């Protein structure tokens, strides 16, 4: 069964002045989709996820991380979360034909203020990256073939490259790649890669 896949990041300081600066730095490391290069949507959530957004804006065409952050900066507070929607290209199998296609896939990059959702950032990351379902990285099918193995390998490589860029360039002092299940995600990825070697 598929799980949601996340990457959580923590920084030495994450006060209100730091939130968007760190978010922009993370967004700069991201490998945008060829067809959607930039931020496509930004939303500000006050106090907790149960509250309605106080600001939302779609960008067509997509805008740079700096431009999206500038739009959000007018409304931001330390008890807010700022969510950016971006896309990257992943190999995804067609549910009917089984053929693999390079598809723009949604990723959310969320900066959670220090006072947001009862300080949930301490647990889930000051910046939390939501990759969606882990299927493109762990896809297994008894009917799978060499093409599927190579596509999964390519997707995992893109994920690993992104996390390495973040480690080198974002200033984060802690990071955890995790999924909703209790299983060890790193171990699952290693096992999947060993099958395609």
Protein backbone atom coordinates (compact mmCIF):
# COMPACT_ATOMS: atom_id res chain seq x y z
CA UNK A 1 0.00 0.00 0.00
CA UNK A 2 1.26 3.48 -0.88
CA UNK A 3 2.20 6.06 1.73
CA UNK A 4 2.67 9.81 1.61
CA UNK A 5 6.36 10.74 1.33
CA UNK A 6 7.87 13.71 3.20
CA UNK A 7 11.18 15.41 3.81
CA UNK A 8 11.46 17.48 7.00
CA UNK A 9 14.11 20.16 7.47
CA UNK A 10 15.22 22.08 10.58
CA UNK A 11 17.32 25.25 10.72
CA UNK A 12 19.38 26.97 13.45
CA UNK A 13 16.98 29.94 13.41
CA UNK A 14 13.48 30.09 12.00
CA UNK A 15 11.93 33.31 13.29
CA UNK A 16 9.53 35.29 11.15
CA UNK A 17 12.35 37.05 9.22
CA UNK A 18 13.95 33.66 8.41
CA UNK A 19 10.92 31.71 7.18
CA UNK A 20 10.71 32.93 3.60
CA UNK A 21 14.49 33.25 3.20
CA UNK A 22 14.88 29.54 4.03
CA UNK A 23 11.88 28.60 1.88
CA UNK A 24 13.34 30.43 -1.13
CA UNK A 25 16.68 28.69 -0.60
CA UNK A 26 14.93 25.28 -0.57
CA UNK A 27 12.92 26.18 -3.68
CA UNK A 28 16.12 27.18 -5.50
CA UNK A 29 17.46 23.63 -5.05
CA UNK A 30 14.32 22.09 -6.58
CA UNK A 31 14.37 20.62 -10.08
CA UNK A 32 11.28 22.23 -11.63
CA UNK A 33 9.24 20.50 -14.33
CA UNK A 34 10.15 21.48 -17.89
CA UNK A 35 6.52 22.50 -18.41
CA UNK A 36 5.99 24.33 -15.10
CA UNK A 37 9.21 26.07 -14.19
CA UNK A 38 8.58 27.92 -10.97
CA UNK A 39 6.01 28.30 -8.21
CA UNK A 40 2.43 27.76 -9.38
CA UNK A 41 0.55 28.55 -6.13
CA UNK A 42 1.11 30.02 -2.68
CA UNK A 43 -1.20 29.91 0.35
CA UNK A 44 -0.96 31.23 3.90
CA UNK A 45 -2.55 29.22 6.71
CA UNK A 46 -3.03 31.07 10.03
CA UNK A 47 -2.59 29.42 13.45
CA UNK A 48 -3.41 25.79 12.43
CA UNK A 49 -4.38 23.57 9.50
CA UNK A 50 -7.99 23.62 10.69
CA UNK A 51 -8.28 27.36 9.98
CA UNK A 52 -9.17 28.61 6.48
CA UNK A 53 -6.38 30.20 4.47
CA UNK A 54 -6.09 33.97 4.74
CA UNK A 55 -4.35 34.35 1.40
CA UNK A 56 -4.08 32.27 -1.78
CA UNK A 57 -2.67 33.07 -5.19
CA UNK A 58 -2.21 31.01 -8.35
CA UNK A 59 0.53 31.93 -10.80
CA UNK A 60 0.05 31.35 -14.51
CA UNK A 61 2.69 31.26 -15.82
CA UNK A 62 4.67 30.06 -12.79
CA UNK A 63 6.89 32.61 -11.02
CA UNK A 64 10.33 32.49 -9.44
CA UNK A 65 10.70 31.47 -5.78
CA UNK A 66 11.70 35.05 -4.96
CA UNK A 67 8.56 36.50 -6.59
CA UNK A 68 6.27 34.01 -4.82
CA UNK A 69 7.91 34.79 -1.46
CA UNK A 70 7.56 38.51 -2.09
CA UNK A 71 3.81 38.09 -2.62
CA UNK A 72 3.48 36.09 0.63
CA UNK A 73 5.72 38.36 2.72
CA UNK A 74 3.06 41.03 3.14
CA UNK A 75 0.85 38.71 5.19
CA UNK A 76 3.31 36.40 6.98
CA UNK A 77 3.47 35.95 10.79
CA UNK A 78 5.30 33.50 13.06
CA UNK A 79 2.05 31.61 13.74
CA UNK A 80 1.41 31.02 10.02
CA UNK A 81 2.40 28.32 7.56
CA UNK A 82 3.27 29.31 4.01
CA UNK A 83 2.69 26.60 1.38
CA UNK A 84 4.24 26.74 -2.09
CA UNK A 85 3.09 24.40 -4.89
CA UNK A 86 5.67 23.34 -7.46
CA UNK A 87 6.01 20.52 -9.98
CA UNK A 88 8.83 18.25 -11.00
CA UNK A 89 8.97 15.60 -13.72
CA UNK A 90 8.72 12.00 -12.52
CA UNK A 91 8.22 8.78 -14.42
CA UNK A 92 4.72 7.49 -13.70
CA UNK A 93 3.01 4.37 -15.09
CA UNK A 94 -0.32 4.72 -16.87
CA UNK A 95 -2.90 2.76 -14.86
CA UNK A 96 -4.51 1.34 -18.02
CA UNK A 97 -1.64 0.68 -20.42
CA UNK A 98 1.23 0.23 -17.98
CA UNK A 99 3.37 2.50 -20.17
CA UNK A 100 5.58 4.98 -18.33
CA UNK A 101 5.41 8.71 -19.01
CA UNK A 102 7.47 11.62 -17.73
CA UNK A 103 4.74 13.58 -15.93
CA UNK A 104 4.69 16.91 -14.04
CA UNK A 105 4.05 15.84 -10.43
CA UNK A 106 2.93 18.13 -7.59
CA UNK A 107 5.22 18.83 -4.62
CA UNK A 108 4.32 21.14 -1.72
CA UNK A 109 7.02 23.01 0.16
CA UNK A 110 5.68 24.33 3.45
CA UNK A 111 7.39 26.76 5.82
CA UNK A 112 5.84 26.39 9.29
CA UNK A 113 6.29 29.32 11.66
CA UNK A 114 7.55 28.77 15.20
CA UNK A 115 4.10 29.36 16.73
CA UNK A 116 2.05 27.56 14.05
CA UNK A 117 -0.13 24.57 15.04
CA UNK A 118 1.15 24.43 18.62
CA UNK A 119 4.78 24.41 17.47
CA UNK A 120 4.32 21.38 15.24
CA UNK A 121 7.45 22.39 13.29
CA UNK A 122 9.58 20.89 16.04
CA UNK A 123 8.19 17.48 15.10
CA UNK A 124 7.42 17.69 11.37
CA UNK A 125 10.05 20.19 10.26
CA UNK A 126 10.30 23.94 10.01
CA UNK A 127 10.14 23.27 6.31
CA UNK A 128 8.19 20.20 5.33
CA UNK A 129 8.27 18.94 1.76
CA UNK A 130 5.30 16.82 0.68
CA UNK A 131 6.17 14.65 -2.32
CA UNK A 132 2.80 12.91 -2.60
CA UNK A 133 2.52 9.13 -2.76
CA UNK A 134 5.74 7.10 -2.61
CA UNK A 135 4.62 4.94 -5.58
CA UNK A 136 6.97 6.51 -8.19
CA UNK A 137 9.93 5.66 -5.92
CA UNK A 138 8.90 2.23 -4.65
CA UNK A 139 6.70 0.93 -7.50
CA UNK A 140 6.58 -2.82 -7.54
CA UNK A 141 4.44 -5.02 -9.71
CA UNK A 142 4.86 -8.70 -10.41
CA UNK A 143 4.44 -7.83 -14.07
CA UNK A 144 7.12 -5.10 -13.81
CA UNK A 145 9.90 -5.26 -16.35
CA UNK A 146 13.27 -3.66 -17.04
CA UNK A 147 11.70 -0.37 -18.16
CA UNK A 148 9.80 -0.05 -14.86
CA UNK A 149 13.00 -0.73 -12.92
CA UNK A 150 14.88 1.96 -14.83
CA UNK A 151 12.06 4.49 -14.38
CA UNK A 152 11.94 3.88 -10.62
CA UNK A 153 15.73 4.17 -10.46
CA UNK A 154 15.54 7.52 -12.29
CA UNK A 155 12.89 8.81 -9.86
CA UNK A 156 14.92 7.75 -6.82
CA UNK A 157 18.00 9.41 -8.30
CA UNK A 158 16.07 12.69 -8.67
CA UNK A 159 14.93 12.46 -5.03
CA UNK A 160 18.45 11.72 -3.79
CA UNK A 161 19.94 14.56 -5.85
CA UNK A 162 17.43 17.00 -4.36
CA UNK A 163 18.21 15.93 -0.78
CA UNK A 164 21.96 16.20 -1.43
CA UNK A 165 21.54 19.73 -2.85
CA UNK A 166 19.53 20.67 0.23
CA UNK A 167 22.18 19.25 2.55
CA UNK A 168 24.92 21.26 0.81
CA UNK A 169 23.12 24.53 0.08
CA UNK A 170 20.07 25.13 2.30
CA UNK A 171 21.68 25.74 5.68
CA UNK A 172 19.50 23.07 7.29
CA UNK A 173 21.04 21.42 10.34
CA UNK A 174 18.66 18.45 10.37
CA UNK A 175 16.69 16.49 7.79
CA UNK A 176 14.56 13.36 7.80
CA UNK A 177 12.99 11.58 4.82
CA UNK A 178 9.92 9.73 6.07
CA UNK A 179 6.54 8.27 5.19
CA UNK A 180 3.29 7.80 7.10
CA UNK A 181 3.91 4.11 7.76
CA UNK A 182 6.13 2.91 10.57
CA UNK A 183 8.48 1.18 8.12
CA UNK A 184 12.01 2.46 7.61
CA UNK A 185 11.77 4.47 4.37
CA UNK A 186 15.52 4.61 3.73
CA UNK A 187 15.66 0.82 4.01
CA UNK A 188 12.72 0.45 1.59
CA UNK A 189 14.44 2.71 -0.96
CA UNK A 190 17.72 0.79 -0.65
CA UNK A 191 15.92 -2.53 -1.11
CA UNK A 192 14.09 -1.20 -4.18
CA UNK A 193 17.35 0.10 -5.69
CA UNK A 194 19.04 -3.27 -5.10
CA UNK A 195 16.35 -4.92 -7.21
CA UNK A 196 17.12 -2.71 -10.20
CA UNK A 197 20.93 -3.04 -10.12
